[in-house]
Amino acid sequence: MPRTPKRRERGMVLVMALFTMAALLVAVTGALLVGSSDIRATRNYRGAAQVHFAAESAILDALQTVNGPGVVNFQNEIVNNWTTLWGASSRNFGPFSGFTYNVNVYSGTTPANDGRFVATATGIEGVKNVVVANVTRSNVPSTAPGAIYLVNDAPTDSTFNGNAFTVDGNDHRFAGGMGTAPPVPGISTRNATNTTETITSLTATQDDNVTGLGFSMGPPIVPSVWTSPVAPSIAQLNQIITDILARRGNPPNPPDDNTSNINANQVYGTPANPQITHLTANNVHMNGNASGCGIMVVEGDLTINGDFDFVGLMIVRGQTTFSTSITGNATIYGSLWTEDLNLTVGGSAVVNYSSDALALANQSTGGGALPALIKVTSIADCAELPGGSGGCP
């Protein structure tokens, strides 16, 4: 049956409508694809920026990990012990959900002083970034955790006798007067339990004998006793001690001193010639008129009853039953670190934090003897470098 003009007209309208709908569908589909592509590109750009930020933050995390205790030998204390210091797994990056990072460490051309951190960060949709930081050991001693630092994680027992002793974390010049360095705690510990034990061991009349960071005359008087969890652990300090003692050379100069009773006038270094002293007797009693300057490492039990003047860093490496007793007329400028579980402070003992005393101790055996900070000398984004260059994988 032949089509009428009206039927042909309706057919043409239907064809045009279908064509228009198809054109609109193509346009909408194209817009959606372009929009999706733009969203994906924006998301990828944002993800790349975020993962780079995570990788750079990993470098900062690694620096904080090593600069808490400080470094004497980068190879021995950092590279060889990185799994213990950092851990074996990646860390979550808190600001961005789904992002993690990890850091590997390598020694450099001078293993004792130089190296690099390689941080790898990953995120959502497979984004990844690697940042390489070349680092070197500075020759600026790390700030001491306190005028006295109790290194042990196990419960410690502090005893304070009389009211004539002084433990001060404010900076003093060993030749007299006050220094300009920021204050540190009078006494610092590894954990809150030992901090509380130390504070409660002080009587009300002794609280103002321990001054420094956080001290307040009140009322009530608040002694300067703080927790320093990022300071060297026993394992870290033992490695630091090993590296310090190695700086005396082979054979060591000065040699080990096995004297257990020091009754005469004994000199262990002077400000003009600071030295690293190693007292190896397990029970050292100082009853005479001893003095020293530099770094003194004491193995086991240390008791000071006589006149003892020391400028620098004293480290007492004790065992579970050993004690450190600083009484008599002992005057220490610098810092005292002890691994002993039992600390006794009394008599007219004076322990003053002194940054210039520690700087002098750092000059023992020619300089660089104390734990020092690691600093970044250069940093590279591996996304902008060819593979295998600049330390990049």
Protein backbone atom coordinates (compact mmCIF):
# COMPACT_ATOMS: atom_id res chain seq x y z
CA MET A 1 0.00 0.00 0.00
CA PRO A 2 1.60 3.30 -1.02
CA ARG A 3 2.53 5.76 1.78
CA THR A 4 0.54 8.89 2.10
CA PRO A 5 2.32 12.24 2.43
CA LYS A 6 1.44 12.39 6.12
CA ARG A 7 2.91 8.97 6.83
CA ARG A 8 6.10 9.90 4.99
CA GLU A 9 6.30 13.10 7.04
CA ARG A 10 5.92 11.20 10.31
CA GLY A 11 8.71 8.80 9.23
CA MET A 12 11.08 11.67 8.53
CA VAL A 13 10.35 13.18 11.96
CA LEU A 14 11.09 9.82 13.60
CA VAL A 15 14.37 9.50 11.70
CA MET A 16 15.42 13.02 12.71
CA ALA A 17 14.50 12.32 16.33
CA LEU A 18 16.53 9.12 16.38
CA PHE A 19 19.47 10.92 14.74
CA THR A 20 19.25 13.73 17.28
CA MET A 21 19.12 11.26 20.18
CA ALA A 22 22.15 9.39 18.79
CA ALA A 23 24.06 12.65 18.42
CA LEU A 24 23.19 13.63 21.98
CA LEU A 25 24.21 10.20 23.21
CA VAL A 26 27.58 10.49 21.45
CA ALA A 27 28.08 13.97 22.89
CA VAL A 28 27.18 12.85 26.43
CA THR A 29 29.40 9.78 26.15
CA GLY A 30 32.27 11.92 24.93
CA ALA A 31 31.72 14.38 27.76
CA LEU A 32 31.68 11.57 30.29
CA LEU A 33 34.88 10.09 28.87
CA VAL A 34 36.60 13.47 28.87
CA GLY A 35 35.36 14.19 32.38
CA SER A 36 36.47 10.77 33.60
CA SER A 37 39.86 11.31 31.99
CA ASP A 38 40.17 14.71 33.64
CA ILE A 39 39.18 13.27 37.03
CA ARG A 40 41.66 10.43 36.63
CA ALA A 41 44.42 12.83 35.63
CA THR A 42 43.61 15.08 38.58
CA ARG A 43 43.54 12.08 40.94
CA ASN A 44 46.83 10.78 39.56
CA TYR A 45 48.44 14.19 39.93
CA ARG A 46 47.17 14.49 43.49
CA GLY A 47 48.31 10.94 44.28
CA ALA A 48 51.78 11.63 42.86
CA ALA A 49 52.10 14.75 45.01
CA GLN A 50 50.87 12.92 48.10
CA VAL A 51 53.18 9.94 47.66
CA HIS A 52 56.15 12.29 47.17
CA PHE A 53 55.20 14.09 50.37
CA ALA A 54 55.06 10.70 52.13
CA ALA A 55 58.54 9.78 50.85
CA GLU A 56 60.04 13.06 52.03
CA SER A 57 58.34 12.60 55.40
CA ALA A 58 60.01 9.18 55.61
CA ILE A 59 63.40 10.89 55.35
CA LEU A 60 62.47 13.15 58.27
CA ASP A 61 61.30 10.12 60.26
CA ALA A 62 64.64 8.38 59.64
CA LEU A 63 66.57 11.48 60.72
CA GLN A 64 64.59 11.68 63.96
CA THR A 65 65.31 7.99 64.57
CA VAL A 66 69.08 8.43 64.39
CA ASN A 67 69.40 11.94 65.82
CA GLY A 68 67.70 11.09 69.11
CA PRO A 69 70.74 9.19 70.43
CA GLY A 70 73.24 10.79 68.02
CA VAL A 71 75.94 9.03 66.02
CA VAL A 72 79.64 8.40 66.56
CA ASN A 73 80.10 5.88 63.74
CA PHE A 74 77.45 5.83 60.98
CA GLN A 75 78.37 2.35 59.76
CA ASN A 76 78.44 0.66 63.17
CA GLU A 77 75.51 2.37 64.83
CA ILE A 78 73.13 3.00 61.93
CA VAL A 79 73.81 0.79 58.89
CA ASN A 80 74.62 -2.36 60.87
CA ASN A 81 71.65 -1.91 63.22
CA TRP A 82 69.03 -0.42 60.93
CA THR A 83 66.55 -3.29 61.21
CA THR A 84 66.62 -2.92 65.00
CA LEU A 85 66.34 0.86 64.88
CA TRP A 86 63.68 1.12 62.15
CA GLY A 87 61.99 -2.25 62.12
CA ALA A 88 61.41 -4.77 59.34
CA SER A 89 58.08 -3.47 57.98
CA SER A 90 56.74 -0.36 56.31
CA ARG A 91 55.09 2.39 58.32
CA ASN A 92 51.66 3.90 57.70
CA PHE A 93 51.56 7.54 56.68
CA GLY A 94 48.97 9.04 58.99
CA PRO A 95 47.86 12.12 57.02
CA PHE A 96 46.83 10.08 53.95
CA SER A 97 44.89 6.84 54.24
CA GLY A 98 46.31 4.02 52.13
CA PHE A 99 49.85 5.41 51.98
CA THR A 100 52.87 3.65 53.50
CA TYR A 101 56.63 4.25 53.49
CA ASN A 102 59.86 2.45 54.23
CA VAL A 103 63.49 3.57 54.47
CA ASN A 104 66.69 1.70 53.67
CA VAL A 105 70.09 3.01 54.73
CA TYR A 106 73.47 2.60 53.04
CA SER A 107 77.01 3.65 53.95
CA GLY A 108 78.89 6.13 51.80
CA THR A 109 82.45 6.61 50.63
CA THR A 110 83.50 7.27 54.24
CA PRO A 111 81.39 4.66 56.07
CA ALA A 112 82.00 6.08 59.55
CA ASN A 113 80.65 9.48 58.57
CA ASP A 114 78.68 9.37 55.30
CA GLY A 115 75.73 7.50 53.87
CA ARG A 116 72.30 7.83 52.33
CA PHE A 117 68.67 7.17 53.17
CA VAL A 118 66.48 5.76 50.40
CA ALA A 119 62.79 6.28 51.15
CA THR A 120 60.11 4.43 49.18
CA ALA A 121 56.47 5.46 49.54
CA THR A 122 53.44 3.77 47.98
CA GLY A 123 49.80 4.80 47.85
CA ILE A 124 46.39 4.24 46.34
CA GLU A 125 46.05 3.15 42.70
CA GLY A 126 49.66 2.00 42.67
CA VAL A 127 51.31 5.41 43.00
CA LYS A 128 54.94 5.18 44.12
CA ASN A 129 57.81 7.57 44.77
CA VAL A 130 61.43 7.15 45.82
CA VAL A 131 63.45 9.91 47.48
CA VAL A 132 67.19 9.66 48.16
CA ALA A 133 68.87 11.79 50.84
CA ASN A 134 72.65 11.91 51.11
CA VAL A 135 73.64 12.46 54.73
CA THR A 136 76.79 13.11 56.71
CA ARG A 137 77.71 13.12 60.36
CA SER A 138 78.19 16.63 61.70
CA ASN A 139 80.79 17.41 64.33
CA VAL A 140 78.32 19.15 66.63
CA PRO A 141 77.62 17.07 69.76
CA SER A 142 74.02 16.10 70.36
CA THR A 143 72.30 17.77 73.27
CA ALA A 144 72.60 15.63 76.41
CA PRO A 145 69.32 14.05 77.59
CA GLY A 146 69.94 15.61 81.01
CA ALA A 147 72.59 16.64 83.51
CA ILE A 148 72.10 13.06 84.74
CA TYR A 149 70.63 10.46 82.39
CA LEU A 150 69.39 7.09 83.71
CA VAL A 151 69.76 4.84 80.68
CA ASN A 152 68.11 1.67 81.95
CA ASP A 153 64.62 0.63 80.79
CA ALA A 154 64.28 -1.63 83.83
CA PRO A 155 62.99 -0.08 87.08
CA THR A 156 65.65 2.15 88.62
CA ASP A 157 66.10 3.14 92.26
CA SER A 158 67.25 6.67 93.04
CA THR A 159 68.35 7.79 96.50
CA PHE A 160 69.04 11.40 97.51
CA ASN A 161 70.86 12.11 100.76
CA GLY A 162 71.00 15.42 102.58
CA ASN A 163 70.22 18.84 101.14
CA ALA A 164 73.61 20.09 99.95
CA PHE A 165 73.73 18.45 96.51
CA THR A 166 72.83 20.17 93.21
CA VAL A 167 71.74 18.71 89.89
CA ASP A 168 71.14 21.48 87.35
CA GLY A 169 70.11 21.13 83.71
CA ASN A 170 70.62 24.82 82.97
CA ASP A 171 73.67 25.50 80.83
CA HIS A 172 76.80 26.36 82.82
CA ARG A 173 80.26 27.35 81.66
CA PHE A 174 82.77 25.06 83.31
CA ALA A 175 85.06 28.04 83.92
CA GLY A 176 82.26 29.93 85.66
CA GLY A 177 79.03 31.69 84.77
CA MET A 178 76.02 30.60 82.77
CA GLY A 179 76.00 29.39 79.18
CA THR A 180 73.60 30.22 76.38
CA ALA A 181 72.42 26.74 75.31
CA PRO A 182 68.79 25.77 76.02
CA PRO A 183 68.23 23.95 79.33
CA VAL A 184 67.91 20.19 79.58
CA PRO A 185 66.30 18.19 82.39
CA GLY A 186 68.23 17.94 85.62
CA ILE A 187 67.56 14.19 85.57
CA SER A 188 66.09 12.28 82.63
CA THR A 189 64.96 8.66 82.43
CA ARG A 190 63.85 6.19 79.78
CA ASN A 191 60.22 5.82 80.84
CA ALA A 192 57.45 7.29 82.97
CA THR A 193 57.85 4.63 85.68
CA ASN A 194 61.46 5.60 86.37
CA THR A 195 60.60 9.30 86.15
CA THR A 196 57.94 8.86 88.81
CA GLU A 197 60.29 6.81 91.00
CA THR A 198 62.96 9.51 90.80
CA ILE A 199 60.54 12.31 91.65
CA THR A 200 59.02 10.46 94.59
CA SER A 201 62.52 9.68 95.92
CA LEU A 202 63.09 13.41 96.46
CA THR A 203 61.85 14.89 99.72
CA ALA A 204 60.01 18.19 99.84
CA THR A 205 63.21 19.96 100.90
CA GLN A 206 65.20 18.35 98.06
CA ASP A 207 62.84 19.17 95.18
CA ASP A 208 64.54 22.50 94.49
CA ASN A 209 67.95 20.82 94.34
CA VAL A 210 67.10 19.35 90.91
CA THR A 211 66.62 22.20 88.45
CA GLY A 212 66.62 22.68 84.70
CA LEU A 213 64.02 22.20 81.97
CA GLY A 214 60.51 22.28 83.44
CA PHE A 215 61.57 23.27 86.94
CA SER A 216 59.08 25.41 88.85
CA MET A 217 59.30 27.01 92.27
CA GLY A 218 55.56 26.50 92.56
CA PRO A 219 53.97 26.10 94.92
CA PRO A 220 54.25 23.20 94.81
CA ILE A 221 57.90 22.93 93.75
CA VAL A 222 58.30 20.84 90.59
CA PRO A 223 61.78 19.26 90.21
CA SER A 224 63.33 18.97 86.75
CA VAL A 225 62.88 15.24 86.10
CA TRP A 226 61.74 14.24 82.62
CA THR A 227 61.26 11.20 80.41
CA SER A 228 63.56 11.04 77.35
CA PRO A 229 62.48 7.96 75.34
CA VAL A 230 64.48 8.95 72.22
CA ALA A 231 67.79 9.15 74.10
CA PRO A 232 70.23 6.21 73.71
CA SER A 233 69.01 2.83 74.91
CA ILE A 234 71.44 0.47 76.63
CA ALA A 235 72.12 -1.34 73.35
CA GLN A 236 72.70 1.92 71.52
CA LEU A 237 74.88 3.32 74.29
CA ASN A 238 76.99 0.17 74.39
CA GLN A 239 77.71 0.55 70.67
CA ILE A 240 78.47 4.24 71.19
CA ILE A 241 80.88 3.33 73.98
CA THR A 242 82.61 0.80 71.73
CA ASP A 243 83.02 3.42 69.01
CA ILE A 244 84.25 6.06 71.48
CA LEU A 245 86.85 3.72 72.98
CA ALA A 246 88.01 2.69 69.49
CA ARG A 247 89.00 6.29 68.85
CA ARG A 248 91.93 5.84 71.24
CA GLY A 249 93.65 3.74 68.60
CA ASN A 250 95.27 0.31 68.78
CA PRO A 251 96.95 -0.06 71.21
CA PRO A 252 94.69 2.38 73.08
CA ASN A 253 96.14 5.71 74.13
CA PRO A 254 95.70 6.27 77.00
CA PRO A 255 95.51 2.59 77.95
CA ASP A 256 92.78 1.04 80.09
CA ASP A 257 93.08 1.78 83.82
CA ASN A 258 92.27 -1.15 86.10
CA THR A 259 92.68 0.79 89.34
CA SER A 260 89.84 0.06 91.75
CA ASN A 261 90.79 2.43 94.59
CA ILE A 262 91.84 5.93 93.55
CA ASN A 263 93.24 7.49 96.71
CA ALA A 264 96.04 9.77 95.49
CA ASN A 265 96.04 12.81 93.23
CA GLN A 266 95.04 11.47 89.82
CA VAL A 267 94.54 13.47 86.62
CA TYR A 268 92.49 12.06 83.72
CA GLY A 269 92.96 14.72 81.07
CA THR A 270 92.91 18.51 81.23
CA PRO A 271 91.06 21.26 79.30
CA ALA A 272 94.24 21.76 77.29
CA ASN A 273 94.46 18.03 76.57
CA PRO A 274 91.09 16.26 76.99
CA GLN A 275 91.28 12.49 76.80
CA ILE A 276 89.14 9.36 76.68
CA THR A 277 89.59 7.48 79.97
CA HIS A 278 88.50 3.88 80.42
CA LEU A 279 88.30 2.63 84.02
CA THR A 280 87.88 -1.15 83.79
CA ALA A 281 87.79 -2.25 87.44
CA ASN A 282 84.28 -3.43 88.28
CA ASN A 283 84.23 -1.51 91.54
CA VAL A 284 85.83 1.93 91.30
CA HIS A 285 86.15 4.03 94.47
CA MET A 286 87.40 7.59 94.17
CA ASN A 287 88.54 8.64 97.62
CA GLY A 288 91.42 10.97 96.79
CA ASN A 289 91.72 14.21 94.84
CA ALA A 290 91.02 13.22 91.25
CA SER A 291 90.27 15.42 88.26
CA GLY A 292 89.68 14.87 84.58
CA CYS A 293 88.53 16.32 81.29
CA GLY A 294 87.13 14.67 78.17
CA ILE A 295 85.19 11.42 78.25
CA MET A 296 85.34 8.90 81.08
CA VAL A 297 83.86 5.41 80.69
CA VAL A 298 83.52 3.46 83.94
CA GLU A 299 82.77 -0.26 83.92
CA GLY A 300 80.51 -1.44 86.73
CA ASP A 301 80.21 0.25 90.09
CA LEU A 302 81.32 3.85 90.66
CA THR A 303 81.53 5.47 94.09
CA ILE A 304 82.84 9.02 94.54
CA ASN A 305 83.54 9.90 98.16
CA GLY A 306 86.52 12.24 97.86
CA ASP A 307 87.23 15.38 95.86
CA PHE A 308 86.55 14.82 92.18
CA ASP A 309 86.34 17.49 89.48
CA PHE A 310 85.42 16.43 85.96
CA VAL A 311 84.67 18.37 82.78
CA GLY A 312 82.97 16.50 79.93
CA LEU A 313 80.92 13.33 79.61
CA MET A 314 80.96 10.54 82.20
CA ILE A 315 79.41 7.20 81.23
CA VAL A 316 78.94 4.43 83.80
CA ARG A 317 78.26 1.05 82.22
CA GLY A 318 76.83 -0.97 85.09
CA GLN A 319 75.11 -4.29 85.52
CA THR A 320 71.92 -5.31 87.32
CA THR A 321 73.34 -5.09 90.85
CA PHE A 322 75.75 -2.19 90.36
CA SER A 323 75.25 1.37 91.51
CA THR A 324 76.48 4.89 90.85
CA SER A 325 77.11 6.94 93.97
CA ILE A 326 77.98 10.61 93.51
CA THR A 327 78.62 12.04 96.95
CA GLY A 328 81.63 13.63 98.67
CA ASN A 329 82.87 16.82 96.97
CA ALA A 330 82.22 15.72 93.41
CA THR A 331 81.78 18.47 90.82
CA ILE A 332 80.85 17.44 87.29
CA TYR A 333 80.37 19.89 84.43
CA GLY A 334 78.89 18.33 81.32
CA SER A 335 76.68 15.29 81.75
CA LEU A 336 76.60 11.94 83.55
CA TRP A 337 75.00 8.91 81.87
CA THR A 338 74.60 5.74 83.87
CA GLU A 339 73.27 2.29 83.01
CA ASP A 340 73.18 1.36 86.70
CA LEU A 341 69.86 0.58 88.32
CA ASN A 342 70.81 2.30 91.56
CA LEU A 343 71.72 6.00 91.68
CA THR A 344 72.75 7.77 94.87
CA VAL A 345 73.33 11.52 94.97
CA GLY A 346 74.30 13.26 98.18
CA GLY A 347 77.00 15.08 100.08
CA SER A 348 77.99 18.35 98.40
CA ALA A 349 77.93 16.83 94.93
CA VAL A 350 77.33 19.18 92.01
CA VAL A 351 76.31 17.96 88.55
CA ASN A 352 75.83 20.87 86.14
CA TYR A 353 74.91 20.50 82.48
CA SER A 354 77.52 22.31 80.40
CA SER A 355 77.46 22.59 76.62
CA ASP A 356 81.00 23.97 76.44
CA ALA A 357 82.24 21.10 78.62
CA LEU A 358 80.68 18.64 76.16
CA ALA A 359 82.20 20.55 73.24
CA LEU A 360 85.57 20.18 74.95
CA ALA A 361 84.94 16.46 75.46
CA ASN A 362 84.19 16.19 71.76
CA GLN A 363 87.79 17.24 71.07
CA SER A 364 89.16 14.09 72.73
CA THR A 365 91.50 12.20 70.38
CA GLY A 366 91.35 14.96 67.80
CA GLY A 367 87.63 15.69 67.60
CA GLY A 368 84.39 13.97 66.71
CA ALA A 369 84.36 11.80 69.82
CA LEU A 370 80.81 12.44 71.03
CA PRO A 371 77.50 11.37 69.46
CA ALA A 372 76.57 14.00 66.87
CA LEU A 373 73.65 14.84 64.63
CA ILE A 374 73.23 13.55 61.08
CA LYS A 375 72.47 16.25 58.50
CA VAL A 376 71.21 16.07 54.91
CA THR A 377 73.65 17.30 52.29
CA SER A 378 71.42 16.72 49.24
CA ILE A 379 68.04 15.23 48.39
CA ALA A 380 66.73 13.88 45.08
CA ASP A 381 63.30 12.93 43.75
CA CYS A 382 63.84 9.75 41.73
CA ALA A 383 60.77 10.51 39.62
CA GLU A 384 62.82 13.30 38.04
CA LEU A 385 66.04 11.31 37.54
CA PRO A 386 67.07 8.48 35.20
CA GLY A 387 67.15 5.06 36.82
CA GLY A 388 70.43 4.21 38.49
CA SER A 389 71.57 7.81 38.94
CA GLY A 390 71.81 9.80 42.17
CA GLY A 391 71.41 6.66 44.26
CA CYS A 392 67.98 5.95 42.74
CA PRO A 393 66.96 2.36 41.91
